[in-house]
PDB file of all heavy atoms in Angstrom:
ATOM      1  N   ASN A   1     -10.463   3.892  -6.459  1.00  0.00           N
ATOM      2  CA  ASN A   1     -10.140   5.063  -5.659  1.00  0.00           C
ATOM      3  C   ASN A   1      -8.633   5.300  -5.757  1.00  0.00           C
ATOM      4  O   ASN A   1      -7.843   4.525  -5.219  1.00  0.00           O
ATOM      5  CB  ASN A   1     -10.560   4.834  -4.196  1.00  0.00           C
ATOM      6  CG  ASN A   1     -10.165   5.979  -3.278  1.00  0.00           C
ATOM      7  OD1 ASN A   1      -9.887   7.092  -3.731  1.00  0.00           O
ATOM      8  ND2 ASN A   1     -10.141   5.714  -1.987  1.00  0.00           N
ATOM      9  N   VAL A   2      -8.221   6.322  -6.470  1.00  0.00           N
ATOM     10  CA  VAL A   2      -6.800   6.635  -6.628  1.00  0.00           C
ATOM     11  C   VAL A   2      -6.300   7.317  -5.359  1.00  0.00           C
ATOM     12  O   VAL A   2      -6.797   8.383  -4.986  1.00  0.00           O
ATOM     13  CB  VAL A   2      -6.558   7.531  -7.854  1.00  0.00           C
ATOM     14  CG1 VAL A   2      -5.098   7.965  -7.917  1.00  0.00           C
ATOM     15  CG2 VAL A   2      -6.950   6.792  -9.130  1.00  0.00           C
ATOM     16  N   ILE A   3      -5.294   6.717  -4.689  1.00  0.00           N
ATOM     17  CA  ILE A   3      -4.797   7.284  -3.440  1.00  0.00           C
ATOM     18  C   ILE A   3      -3.407   7.897  -3.580  1.00  0.00           C
ATOM     19  O   ILE A   3      -2.938   8.575  -2.665  1.00  0.00           O
ATOM     20  CB  ILE A   3      -4.803   6.242  -2.302  1.00  0.00           C
ATOM     21  CG1 ILE A   3      -3.811   5.109  -2.580  1.00  0.00           C
ATOM     22  CG2 ILE A   3      -6.209   5.688  -2.092  1.00  0.00           C
ATOM     23  CD1 ILE A   3      -3.603   4.184  -1.387  1.00  0.00           C
ATOM     24  N   ASP A   4      -2.739   7.678  -4.714  1.00  0.00           N
ATOM     25  CA  ASP A   4      -1.443   8.294  -4.937  1.00  0.00           C
ATOM     26  C   ASP A   4      -1.152   8.311  -6.431  1.00  0.00           C
ATOM     27  O   ASP A   4      -1.559   7.389  -7.161  1.00  0.00           O
ATOM     28  CB  ASP A   4      -0.334   7.532  -4.192  1.00  0.00           C
ATOM     29  CG  ASP A   4       0.959   8.340  -4.064  1.00  0.00           C
ATOM     30  OD1 ASP A   4       0.979   9.517  -4.489  1.00  0.00           O
ATOM     31  OD2 ASP A   4       1.947   7.800  -3.535  1.00  0.00           O
ATOM     32  N   THR A   5      -0.451   9.339  -6.882  1.00  0.00           N
ATOM     33  CA  THR A   5      -0.068   9.448  -8.291  1.00  0.00           C
ATOM     34  C   THR A   5       1.421   9.764  -8.428  1.00  0.00           C
ATOM     35  O   THR A   5       1.849  10.291  -9.453  1.00  0.00           O
ATOM     36  CB  THR A   5      -0.879  10.558  -8.995  1.00  0.00           C
ATOM     37  OG1 THR A   5      -0.643  11.815  -8.339  1.00  0.00           O
ATOM     38  CG2 THR A   5      -2.370  10.237  -8.986  1.00  0.00           C
ATOM     39  N   GLU A   6       2.220   9.435  -7.401  1.00  0.00           N
ATOM     40  CA  GLU A   6       3.606   9.858  -7.381  1.00  0.00           C
ATOM     41  C   GLU A   6       4.626   8.719  -7.364  1.00  0.00           C
ATOM     42  O   GLU A   6       5.808   8.950  -7.096  1.00  0.00           O
ATOM     43  CB  GLU A   6       3.850  10.781  -6.183  1.00  0.00           C
ATOM     44  CG  GLU A   6       3.042  12.068  -6.256  1.00  0.00           C
ATOM     45  CD  GLU A   6       3.310  12.997  -5.092  1.00  0.00           C
ATOM     46  OE1 GLU A   6       4.203  12.693  -4.278  1.00  0.00           O
ATOM     47  OE2 GLU A   6       2.617  14.026  -4.977  1.00  0.00           O
ATOM     48  N   LEU A   7       4.199   7.496  -7.640  1.00  0.00           N
ATOM     49  CA  LEU A   7       5.189   6.435  -7.794  1.00  0.00           C
ATOM     50  C   LEU A   7       6.013   6.692  -9.051  1.00  0.00           C
ATOM     51  O   LEU A   7       5.522   7.270 -10.015  1.00  0.00           O
ATOM     52  CB  LEU A   7       4.515   5.062  -7.915  1.00  0.00           C
ATOM     53  CG  LEU A   7       3.927   4.417  -6.669  1.00  0.00           C
ATOM     54  CD1 LEU A   7       3.526   2.986  -6.985  1.00  0.00           C
ATOM     55  CD2 LEU A   7       4.870   4.457  -5.493  1.00  0.00           C
ATOM     56  N   ASP A   8       7.236   6.221  -9.042  1.00  0.00           N
ATOM     57  CA  ASP A   8       8.085   6.344 -10.219  1.00  0.00           C
ATOM     58  C   ASP A   8       8.418   4.942 -10.711  1.00  0.00           C
ATOM     59  O   ASP A   8       9.193   4.231 -10.105  1.00  0.00           O
ATOM     60  CB  ASP A   8       9.372   7.108  -9.873  1.00  0.00           C
ATOM     61  CG  ASP A   8      10.101   7.604 -11.118  1.00  0.00           C
ATOM     62  OD1 ASP A   8       9.882   7.012 -12.198  1.00  0.00           O
ATOM     63  OD2 ASP A   8      10.865   8.566 -11.007  1.00  0.00           O
ATOM     64  N   HIS A   9       7.734   4.539 -11.796  1.00  0.00           N
ATOM     65  CA  HIS A   9       7.924   3.191 -12.347  1.00  0.00           C
ATOM     66  C   HIS A   9       7.555   2.146 -11.299  1.00  0.00           C
ATOM     67  O   HIS A   9       8.348   1.286 -10.922  1.00  0.00           O
ATOM     68  CB  HIS A   9       9.377   3.012 -12.802  1.00  0.00           C
ATOM     69  CG  HIS A   9       9.553   1.987 -13.876  1.00  0.00           C
ATOM     70  ND1 HIS A   9      10.030   0.731 -13.634  1.00  0.00           N
ATOM     71  CD2 HIS A   9       9.316   2.037 -15.209  1.00  0.00           C
ATOM     72  CE1 HIS A   9      10.093   0.038 -14.763  1.00  0.00           C
ATOM     73  NE2 HIS A   9       9.663   0.817 -15.733  1.00  0.00           N
ATOM     74  N   GLY A  10       6.303   2.215 -10.829  1.00  0.00           N
ATOM     75  CA  GLY A  10       5.839   1.338  -9.752  1.00  0.00           C
ATOM     76  C   GLY A  10       6.034  -0.134 -10.055  1.00  0.00           C
ATOM     77  O   GLY A  10       5.697  -0.604 -11.146  1.00  0.00           O
ATOM     78  N   HIS A  11       6.564  -0.866  -9.066  1.00  0.00           N
ATOM     79  CA  HIS A  11       6.839  -2.282  -9.308  1.00  0.00           C
ATOM     80  C   HIS A  11       6.631  -3.159  -8.072  1.00  0.00           C
ATOM     81  O   HIS A  11       6.381  -4.350  -8.208  1.00  0.00           O
ATOM     82  CB  HIS A  11       8.266  -2.470  -9.823  1.00  0.00           C
ATOM     83  CG  HIS A  11       8.477  -3.725 -10.610  1.00  0.00           C
ATOM     84  ND1 HIS A  11       8.783  -4.935 -10.022  1.00  0.00           N
ATOM     85  CD2 HIS A  11       8.413  -3.954 -11.945  1.00  0.00           C
ATOM     86  CE1 HIS A  11       8.909  -5.856 -10.972  1.00  0.00           C
ATOM     87  NE2 HIS A  11       8.683  -5.286 -12.149  1.00  0.00           N
ATOM     88  N   SER A  12       6.779  -2.608  -6.874  1.00  0.00           N
ATOM     89  CA  SER A  12       6.596  -3.414  -5.669  1.00  0.00           C
ATOM     90  C   SER A  12       5.283  -3.041  -4.996  1.00  0.00           C
ATOM     91  O   SER A  12       4.951  -1.861  -4.869  1.00  0.00           O
ATOM     92  CB  SER A  12       7.759  -3.206  -4.693  1.00  0.00           C
ATOM     93  OG  SER A  12       7.900  -1.843  -4.355  1.00  0.00           O
ATOM     94  N   LEU A  13       4.525  -4.060  -4.579  1.00  0.00           N
ATOM     95  CA  LEU A  13       3.219  -3.825  -3.975  1.00  0.00           C
ATOM     96  C   LEU A  13       2.867  -4.997  -3.072  1.00  0.00           C
ATOM     97  O   LEU A  13       2.909  -6.152  -3.489  1.00  0.00           O
ATOM     98  CB  LEU A  13       2.148  -3.681  -5.070  1.00  0.00           C
ATOM     99  CG  LEU A  13       0.712  -3.488  -4.605  1.00  0.00           C
ATOM    100  CD1 LEU A  13       0.539  -2.112  -3.961  1.00  0.00           C
ATOM    101  CD2 LEU A  13      -0.261  -3.635  -5.776  1.00  0.00           C
ATOM    102  N   VAL A  14       2.527  -4.694  -1.820  1.00  0.00           N
ATOM    103  CA  VAL A  14       2.055  -5.728  -0.915  1.00  0.00           C
ATOM    104  C   VAL A  14       1.063  -5.108   0.050  1.00  0.00           C
ATOM    105  O   VAL A  14       1.238  -3.975   0.511  1.00  0.00           O
ATOM    106  CB  VAL A  14       3.228  -6.407  -0.155  1.00  0.00           C
ATOM    107  CG1 VAL A  14       3.960  -5.426   0.746  1.00  0.00           C
ATOM    108  CG2 VAL A  14       2.741  -7.601   0.652  1.00  0.00           C
ATOM    109  N   VAL A  15      -0.014  -5.829   0.332  1.00  0.00           N
ATOM    110  CA  VAL A  15      -1.053  -5.393   1.265  1.00  0.00           C
ATOM    111  C   VAL A  15      -1.002  -6.310   2.479  1.00  0.00           C
ATOM    112  O   VAL A  15      -1.020  -7.535   2.341  1.00  0.00           O
ATOM    113  CB  VAL A  15      -2.441  -5.439   0.602  1.00  0.00           C
ATOM    114  CG1 VAL A  15      -3.537  -5.148   1.617  1.00  0.00           C
ATOM    115  CG2 VAL A  15      -2.514  -4.444  -0.553  1.00  0.00           C
ATOM    116  N   ALA A  16      -0.921  -5.734   3.683  1.00  0.00           N
ATOM    117  CA  ALA A  16      -0.843  -6.523   4.916  1.00  0.00           C
ATOM    118  C   ALA A  16      -1.232  -5.654   6.101  1.00  0.00           C
ATOM    119  O   ALA A  16      -0.993  -4.438   6.100  1.00  0.00           O
ATOM    120  CB  ALA A  16       0.567  -7.073   5.113  1.00  0.00           C
ATOM    121  N   ASP A  17      -1.818  -6.268   7.107  1.00  0.00           N
ATOM    122  CA  ASP A  17      -2.163  -5.563   8.345  1.00  0.00           C
ATOM    123  C   ASP A  17      -0.927  -5.511   9.226  1.00  0.00           C
ATOM    124  O   ASP A  17      -0.686  -6.398  10.038  1.00  0.00           O
ATOM    125  CB  ASP A  17      -3.308  -6.284   9.051  1.00  0.00           C
ATOM    126  CG  ASP A  17      -3.731  -5.601  10.346  1.00  0.00           C
ATOM    127  OD1 ASP A  17      -3.250  -4.477  10.612  1.00  0.00           O
ATOM    128  OD2 ASP A  17      -4.525  -6.200  11.094  1.00  0.00           O
ATOM    129  N   VAL A  18      -0.121  -4.461   9.086  1.00  0.00           N
ATOM    130  CA  VAL A  18       1.154  -4.393   9.791  1.00  0.00           C
ATOM    131  C   VAL A  18       1.028  -3.843  11.205  1.00  0.00           C
ATOM    132  O   VAL A  18       1.973  -3.964  11.993  1.00  0.00           O
ATOM    133  CB  VAL A  18       2.185  -3.559   8.999  1.00  0.00           C
ATOM    134  CG1 VAL A  18       2.468  -4.201   7.650  1.00  0.00           C
ATOM    135  CG2 VAL A  18       1.738  -2.110   8.843  1.00  0.00           C
ATOM    136  N   ASP A  19      -0.105  -3.225  11.547  1.00  0.00           N
ATOM    137  CA  ASP A  19      -0.245  -2.698  12.900  1.00  0.00           C
ATOM    138  C   ASP A  19      -1.273  -3.450  13.738  1.00  0.00           C
ATOM    139  O   ASP A  19      -1.570  -3.063  14.867  1.00  0.00           O
ATOM    140  CB  ASP A  19      -0.553  -1.203  12.885  1.00  0.00           C
ATOM    141  CG  ASP A  19      -1.858  -0.865  12.167  1.00  0.00           C
ATOM    142  OD1 ASP A  19      -2.580  -1.801  11.760  1.00  0.00           O
ATOM    143  OD2 ASP A  19      -2.141   0.336  12.015  1.00  0.00           O
ATOM    144  N   GLY A  20      -1.824  -4.535  13.179  1.00  0.00           N
ATOM    145  CA  GLY A  20      -2.674  -5.420  13.959  1.00  0.00           C
ATOM    146  C   GLY A  20      -4.032  -4.868  14.335  1.00  0.00           C
ATOM    147  O   GLY A  20      -4.672  -5.372  15.275  1.00  0.00           O
ATOM    148  N   ASP A  21      -4.534  -3.868  13.610  1.00  0.00           N
ATOM    149  CA  ASP A  21      -5.832  -3.296  13.958  1.00  0.00           C
ATOM    150  C   ASP A  21      -6.983  -3.907  13.165  1.00  0.00           C
ATOM    151  O   ASP A  21      -8.124  -3.471  13.279  1.00  0.00           O
ATOM    152  CB  ASP A  21      -5.810  -1.781  13.779  1.00  0.00           C
ATOM    153  CG  ASP A  21      -5.668  -1.347  12.313  1.00  0.00           C
ATOM    154  OD1 ASP A  21      -5.448  -2.228  11.450  1.00  0.00           O
ATOM    155  OD2 ASP A  21      -5.752  -0.132  12.048  1.00  0.00           O
ATOM    156  N   GLY A  22      -6.688  -4.920  12.359  1.00  0.00           N
ATOM    157  CA  GLY A  22      -7.728  -5.580  11.575  1.00  0.00           C
ATOM    158  C   GLY A  22      -7.924  -5.008  10.191  1.00  0.00           C
ATOM    159  O   GLY A  22      -8.629  -5.601   9.366  1.00  0.00           O
ATOM    160  N   ASN A  23      -7.329  -3.848   9.912  1.00  0.00           N
ATOM    161  CA  ASN A  23      -7.404  -3.226   8.597  1.00  0.00           C
ATOM    162  C   ASN A  23      -6.022  -3.212   7.960  1.00  0.00           C
ATOM    163  O   ASN A  23      -5.043  -2.832   8.602  1.00  0.00           O
ATOM    164  CB  ASN A  23      -7.935  -1.791   8.703  1.00  0.00           C
ATOM    165  CG  ASN A  23      -9.382  -1.744   9.147  1.00  0.00           C
ATOM    166  OD1 ASN A  23     -10.174  -2.638   8.833  1.00  0.00           O
ATOM    167  ND2 ASN A  23      -9.736  -0.706   9.889  1.00  0.00           N
ATOM    168  N   ALA A  24      -5.942  -3.629   6.710  1.00  0.00           N
ATOM    169  CA  ALA A  24      -4.646  -3.779   6.054  1.00  0.00           C
ATOM    170  C   ALA A  24      -4.085  -2.433   5.591  1.00  0.00           C
ATOM    171  O   ALA A  24      -4.825  -1.518   5.229  1.00  0.00           O
ATOM    172  CB  ALA A  24      -4.765  -4.724   4.870  1.00  0.00           C
ATOM    173  N   GLU A  25      -2.769  -2.362   5.618  1.00  0.00           N
ATOM    174  CA  GLU A  25      -2.039  -1.240   5.048  1.00  0.00           C
ATOM    175  C   GLU A  25      -1.472  -1.649   3.687  1.00  0.00           C
ATOM    176  O   GLU A  25      -1.509  -2.825   3.322  1.00  0.00           O
ATOM    177  CB  GLU A  25      -0.903  -0.797   5.977  1.00  0.00           C
ATOM    178  CG  GLU A  25      -1.345  -0.018   7.201  1.00  0.00           C
ATOM    179  CD  GLU A  25      -2.056  -0.873   8.233  1.00  0.00           C
ATOM    180  OE1 GLU A  25      -1.558  -1.970   8.550  1.00  0.00           O
ATOM    181  OE2 GLU A  25      -3.139  -0.452   8.713  1.00  0.00           O
ATOM    182  N   ILE A  26      -0.931  -0.680   2.961  1.00  0.00           N
ATOM    183  CA  ILE A  26      -0.359  -0.910   1.640  1.00  0.00           C
ATOM    184  C   ILE A  26       1.085  -0.443   1.639  1.00  0.00           C
ATOM    185  O   ILE A  26       1.396   0.647   2.132  1.00  0.00           O
ATOM    186  CB  ILE A  26      -1.143  -0.135   0.552  1.00  0.00           C
ATOM    187  CG1 ILE A  26      -2.622  -0.550   0.545  1.00  0.00           C
ATOM    188  CG2 ILE A  26      -0.515  -0.353  -0.833  1.00  0.00           C
ATOM    189  CD1 ILE A  26      -3.505   0.389  -0.271  1.00  0.00           C
ATOM    190  N   VAL A  27       1.979  -1.267   1.106  1.00  0.00           N
ATOM    191  CA  VAL A  27       3.365  -0.879   0.882  1.00  0.00           C
ATOM    192  C   VAL A  27       3.610  -0.913  -0.624  1.00  0.00           C
ATOM    193  O   VAL A  27       3.294  -1.913  -1.281  1.00  0.00           O
ATOM    194  CB  VAL A  27       4.348  -1.821   1.606  1.00  0.00           C
ATOM    195  CG1 VAL A  27       5.797  -1.493   1.227  1.00  0.00           C
ATOM    196  CG2 VAL A  27       4.162  -1.729   3.116  1.00  0.00           C
ATOM    197  N   ALA A  28       4.134   0.190  -1.166  1.00  0.00           N
ATOM    198  CA  ALA A  28       4.363   0.259  -2.613  1.00  0.00           C
ATOM    199  C   ALA A  28       5.589   1.112  -2.889  1.00  0.00           C
ATOM    200  O   ALA A  28       5.885   2.066  -2.156  1.00  0.00           O
ATOM    201  CB  ALA A  28       3.152   0.841  -3.331  1.00  0.00           C
TER     202      ALA A  28
END
């Protein structure tokens, strides 16, 4: 499932539940 196509030379990526709701967010 493609959720974004606007990174420029993507290199950083981490998945973590940053708001504590049990579902993880993505930082890229």
